[in-house]
Amino acid sequence: MAKTFLHKLGIHSMFVPMEIFSSWSHKTDHFRRIHQKTGVPFSSMLFFDDENRNIEAVSIMGVASILVDNGINLDALRQGFSEFSQKSGSLSTSRSD
């Protein structure tokens, strides 16, 4: 479903690598795997999920995390980009101090 949504928006190429897993798996393991594969820091990642426990666990790692109660939609995507942008801006500001 997530892949279909990204294709419909025409932005699927912006999400590489894309890791979409079943709900029973540990999300922190997936983010560690993504980091190992890409070298992308957790603070440069954006995560959407419908389970608060996953949002809390991944947020602790430094990943911008958005709770989507009824699945991802355009509003949730905008919120995610906005929060990610604000978080990234505050990180670059604190790094320059």
Protein backbone atom coordinates (compact mmCIF):
# COMPACT_ATOMS: atom_id res chain seq x y z
CA MET A 1 0.00 0.00 0.00
CA ALA A 2 2.79 2.43 0.87
CA LYS A 3 4.63 1.73 -2.39
CA THR A 4 1.42 2.27 -4.38
CA PHE A 5 0.85 5.61 -2.65
CA LEU A 6 4.37 6.81 -3.45
CA HIS A 7 4.00 5.72 -7.10
CA LYS A 8 0.67 7.54 -7.43
CA LEU A 9 2.31 10.71 -6.14
CA GLY A 10 5.21 10.22 -8.54
CA ILE A 11 7.77 10.50 -5.74
CA HIS A 12 8.80 6.87 -5.26
CA SER A 13 12.30 7.58 -6.59
CA MET A 14 12.90 9.93 -3.64
CA PHE A 15 12.70 7.01 -1.20
CA VAL A 16 15.76 4.83 -1.75
CA PRO A 17 16.32 2.42 -0.15
CA MET A 18 12.74 1.73 0.73
CA GLU A 19 12.13 -0.68 3.56
CA ILE A 20 8.52 -1.70 4.13
CA PHE A 21 8.00 -4.54 6.60
CA SER A 22 5.16 -6.31 8.33
CA SER A 23 3.89 -4.90 11.61
CA TRP A 24 5.22 -7.72 13.79
CA SER A 25 8.85 -6.87 13.14
CA HIS A 26 11.05 -4.54 15.22
CA LYS A 27 11.30 -1.20 13.47
CA THR A 28 14.54 -0.25 15.21
CA ASP A 29 16.20 -3.26 13.54
CA HIS A 30 15.07 -1.99 10.14
CA PHE A 31 16.49 1.46 10.73
CA ARG A 32 19.81 0.04 11.87
CA ARG A 33 19.85 -2.04 8.68
CA ILE A 34 19.09 1.00 6.52
CA HIS A 35 21.85 2.94 8.28
CA GLN A 36 24.33 0.10 7.74
CA LYS A 37 23.41 -0.19 4.03
CA THR A 38 23.46 3.52 3.27
CA GLY A 39 25.47 5.33 5.93
CA VAL A 40 22.58 7.81 6.22
CA PRO A 41 22.37 9.09 9.81
CA PHE A 42 19.16 8.47 11.74
CA SER A 43 18.61 12.23 11.94
CA SER A 44 18.26 12.27 8.12
CA MET A 45 15.49 9.66 8.05
CA LEU A 46 11.72 10.03 8.03
CA PHE A 47 9.34 7.32 9.30
CA PHE A 48 5.55 6.91 9.12
CA ASP A 49 3.73 4.27 11.16
CA ASP A 50 0.31 3.59 12.62
CA GLU A 51 1.57 2.20 15.92
CA ASN A 52 2.64 4.60 18.66
CA ARG A 53 5.08 2.07 20.18
CA ASN A 54 7.02 2.05 16.89
CA ILE A 55 6.99 5.85 16.67
CA GLU A 56 8.36 6.11 20.21
CA ALA A 57 11.08 3.49 19.69
CA VAL A 58 12.32 4.94 16.40
CA SER A 59 12.10 8.56 17.61
CA ILE A 60 14.55 7.72 20.41
CA MET A 61 17.05 6.80 17.68
CA GLY A 62 16.75 10.34 16.27
CA VAL A 63 14.49 9.50 13.31
CA ALA A 64 11.74 12.02 12.49
CA SER A 65 8.64 9.88 13.12
CA ILE A 66 5.01 10.56 12.22
CA LEU A 67 2.04 8.69 13.65
CA VAL A 68 -0.54 7.97 10.94
CA ASP A 69 -3.69 6.59 12.55
CA ASN A 70 -5.51 5.57 9.37
CA GLY A 71 -2.57 5.04 7.05
CA ILE A 72 -0.50 7.54 5.17
CA ASN A 73 -2.18 10.20 3.07
CA LEU A 74 -1.12 13.48 1.50
CA ASP A 75 -1.69 15.45 4.72
CA ALA A 76 0.46 13.01 6.72
CA LEU A 77 3.17 13.21 4.06
CA ARG A 78 3.13 17.03 4.25
CA GLN A 79 3.28 16.87 8.05
CA GLY A 80 6.22 14.49 7.85
CA PHE A 81 8.13 16.71 5.44
CA SER A 82 7.39 19.76 7.57
CA GLU A 83 8.53 18.14 10.83
CA PHE A 84 11.56 16.64 9.11
CA SER A 85 12.47 20.06 7.70
CA GLN A 86 12.10 21.73 11.11
CA LYS A 87 14.16 19.02 12.79
CA SER A 88 16.85 19.23 10.11
CA GLY A 89 16.97 23.00 10.46
CA SER A 90 17.40 22.81 14.21
CA LEU A 91 20.16 20.20 13.81
CA SER A 92 22.13 22.35 11.37
CA THR A 93 21.69 25.38 13.64
CA SER A 94 22.95 23.48 16.69
CA ARG A 95 25.89 22.09 14.71
CA SER A 96 27.04 25.56 13.71
CA ASP A 97 27.14 26.77 17.33
